[in-house]
Amino acid sequence: MPKKILIIDDDPIVLKYLESLLTDNGYEIVKAANGVEASDMVEKVKPDLITLDLEMPEQWGPRFYRRLTKNKLLKDIPVIVISGLSGSKYSIPKAAAHLNKPFDAEELLQLVRDHIGE
């Protein structure tokens, strides 16, 4: 059974790119366009890993992350922050990893493999 990844990003181009990249590498994908949508989805889906944009409408990434880490059942899901904001590593210092947009696809895939395997 493939590992499940929740992609959270408000940019439809980034969502489609990440979906293609990760499904082509054997992962099952669930998408959310903002933190509110993701909050509803994460409890139902219980993904193995989350990619998280920081600056989104409705609810920013850091707020989603704080809510996630307060839930005992979800707090250990690794989160890879993918953002165009400089200094994103300071917004969520306990994230599993941080990538700046534009990012290297192989670097992202290696991070995913490091945290949840293939």
Protein backbone atom coordinates (compact mmCIF):
# COMPACT_ATOMS: atom_id res chain seq x y z
CA MET A 1 0.00 0.00 0.00
CA PRO A 2 1.53 3.35 -1.02
CA LYS A 3 2.40 5.99 1.56
CA LYS A 4 -0.03 8.90 1.67
CA ILE A 5 1.08 12.53 1.41
CA LEU A 6 -1.11 15.58 2.05
CA ILE A 7 -0.03 18.53 -0.11
CA ILE A 8 -1.14 21.92 1.22
CA ASP A 9 -0.59 24.87 -1.13
CA ASP A 10 -2.82 27.61 -2.51
CA ASP A 11 -1.05 27.72 -5.89
CA PRO A 12 -2.78 25.31 -8.30
CA ILE A 13 0.38 25.01 -10.42
CA VAL A 14 2.46 23.94 -7.40
CA LEU A 15 -0.29 21.51 -6.32
CA LYS A 16 -0.37 19.90 -9.76
CA TYR A 17 3.44 19.73 -9.99
CA LEU A 18 3.81 18.15 -6.54
CA GLU A 19 0.98 15.74 -7.25
CA SER A 20 2.64 14.61 -10.51
CA LEU A 21 6.10 14.35 -8.98
CA LEU A 22 4.97 12.35 -5.96
CA THR A 23 2.49 10.05 -7.72
CA ASP A 24 5.11 9.29 -10.38
CA ASN A 25 7.30 8.12 -7.50
CA GLY A 26 4.69 5.81 -6.01
CA TYR A 27 3.00 7.95 -3.36
CA GLU A 28 -0.73 8.43 -2.88
CA ILE A 29 -1.69 12.12 -2.87
CA VAL A 30 -4.37 14.16 -1.15
CA LYS A 31 -4.50 17.93 -1.77
CA ALA A 32 -5.74 20.97 0.13
CA ALA A 33 -5.70 24.58 -1.07
CA ASN A 34 -5.45 26.17 2.38
CA GLY A 35 -5.01 25.45 6.07
CA VAL A 36 -8.74 25.32 6.86
CA GLU A 37 -9.37 22.73 4.16
CA ALA A 38 -6.30 20.81 5.32
CA SER A 39 -7.44 20.85 8.96
CA ASP A 40 -10.69 19.17 7.98
CA MET A 41 -8.90 16.66 5.78
CA VAL A 42 -5.92 15.65 7.93
CA GLU A 43 -7.99 13.88 10.59
CA LYS A 44 -9.93 11.88 8.00
CA VAL A 45 -6.95 10.99 5.84
CA LYS A 46 -4.18 10.59 8.47
CA PRO A 47 -1.35 11.08 5.96
CA ASP A 48 2.14 9.68 6.43
CA LEU A 49 3.68 13.07 5.54
CA ILE A 50 2.55 16.64 4.84
CA THR A 51 4.05 19.26 2.53
CA LEU A 52 3.03 22.71 3.75
CA ASP A 53 3.11 26.14 2.17
CA LEU A 54 3.30 29.02 4.65
CA GLU A 55 1.45 31.91 3.03
CA MET A 56 -2.10 30.92 2.08
CA PRO A 57 -5.59 32.43 2.28
CA GLU A 58 -7.96 31.35 5.06
CA GLN A 59 -5.25 30.02 7.36
CA TRP A 60 -1.49 30.37 7.13
CA GLY A 61 0.81 27.37 7.39
CA PRO A 62 2.19 28.15 10.86
CA ARG A 63 -1.30 28.24 12.35
CA PHE A 64 -2.18 24.92 10.70
CA TYR A 65 1.06 23.44 12.07
CA ARG A 66 0.34 24.64 15.62
CA ARG A 67 -3.10 23.06 15.51
CA LEU A 68 -1.66 19.84 14.08
CA THR A 69 0.94 19.50 16.83
CA LYS A 70 -1.69 19.92 19.55
CA ASN A 71 -3.51 16.78 18.36
CA LYS A 72 -2.01 13.69 20.02
CA LEU A 73 -2.95 11.45 17.08
CA LEU A 74 -1.48 13.74 14.42
CA LYS A 75 1.44 15.55 16.07
CA ASP A 76 4.09 13.08 14.88
CA ILE A 77 3.30 13.39 11.16
CA PRO A 78 6.45 14.77 9.48
CA VAL A 79 5.92 18.15 7.83
CA ILE A 80 8.09 19.47 5.00
CA VAL A 81 7.66 23.23 4.61
CA ILE A 82 7.82 24.39 0.98
CA SER A 83 7.61 28.16 0.79
CA GLY A 84 8.58 31.18 -1.22
CA LEU A 85 8.96 33.24 1.95
CA SER A 86 12.53 33.87 3.02
CA GLY A 87 13.34 32.74 6.53
CA SER A 88 10.63 30.06 6.47
CA LYS A 89 12.70 27.84 8.75
CA TYR A 90 12.08 30.34 11.54
CA SER A 91 8.29 30.14 11.15
CA ILE A 92 8.14 26.42 11.91
CA PRO A 93 11.51 25.48 13.39
CA LYS A 94 10.40 21.96 14.37
CA ALA A 95 9.32 20.98 10.85
CA ALA A 96 11.02 17.88 9.44
CA ALA A 97 12.56 19.98 6.65
CA HIS A 98 12.34 23.31 4.82
CA LEU A 99 12.59 23.95 1.09
CA ASN A 100 12.47 27.32 -0.64
CA LYS A 101 10.50 27.77 -3.84
CA PRO A 102 11.67 27.10 -6.44
CA PHE A 103 12.95 23.79 -5.09
CA ASP A 104 14.89 20.87 -6.52
CA ALA A 105 12.62 17.88 -7.20
CA GLU A 106 15.31 15.34 -6.31
CA GLU A 107 15.97 17.09 -3.01
CA LEU A 108 12.28 16.92 -2.13
CA LEU A 109 12.05 13.25 -3.09
CA GLN A 110 15.08 12.45 -0.96
CA LEU A 111 13.54 14.25 2.02
CA VAL A 112 10.30 12.33 1.56
CA ARG A 113 12.17 9.02 1.36
CA ASP A 114 14.22 9.93 4.44
CA HIS A 115 11.08 10.52 6.48
CA ILE A 116 8.60 7.90 5.24
CA GLY A 117 10.45 5.60 2.87
CA GLU A 118 9.29 4.68 -0.61
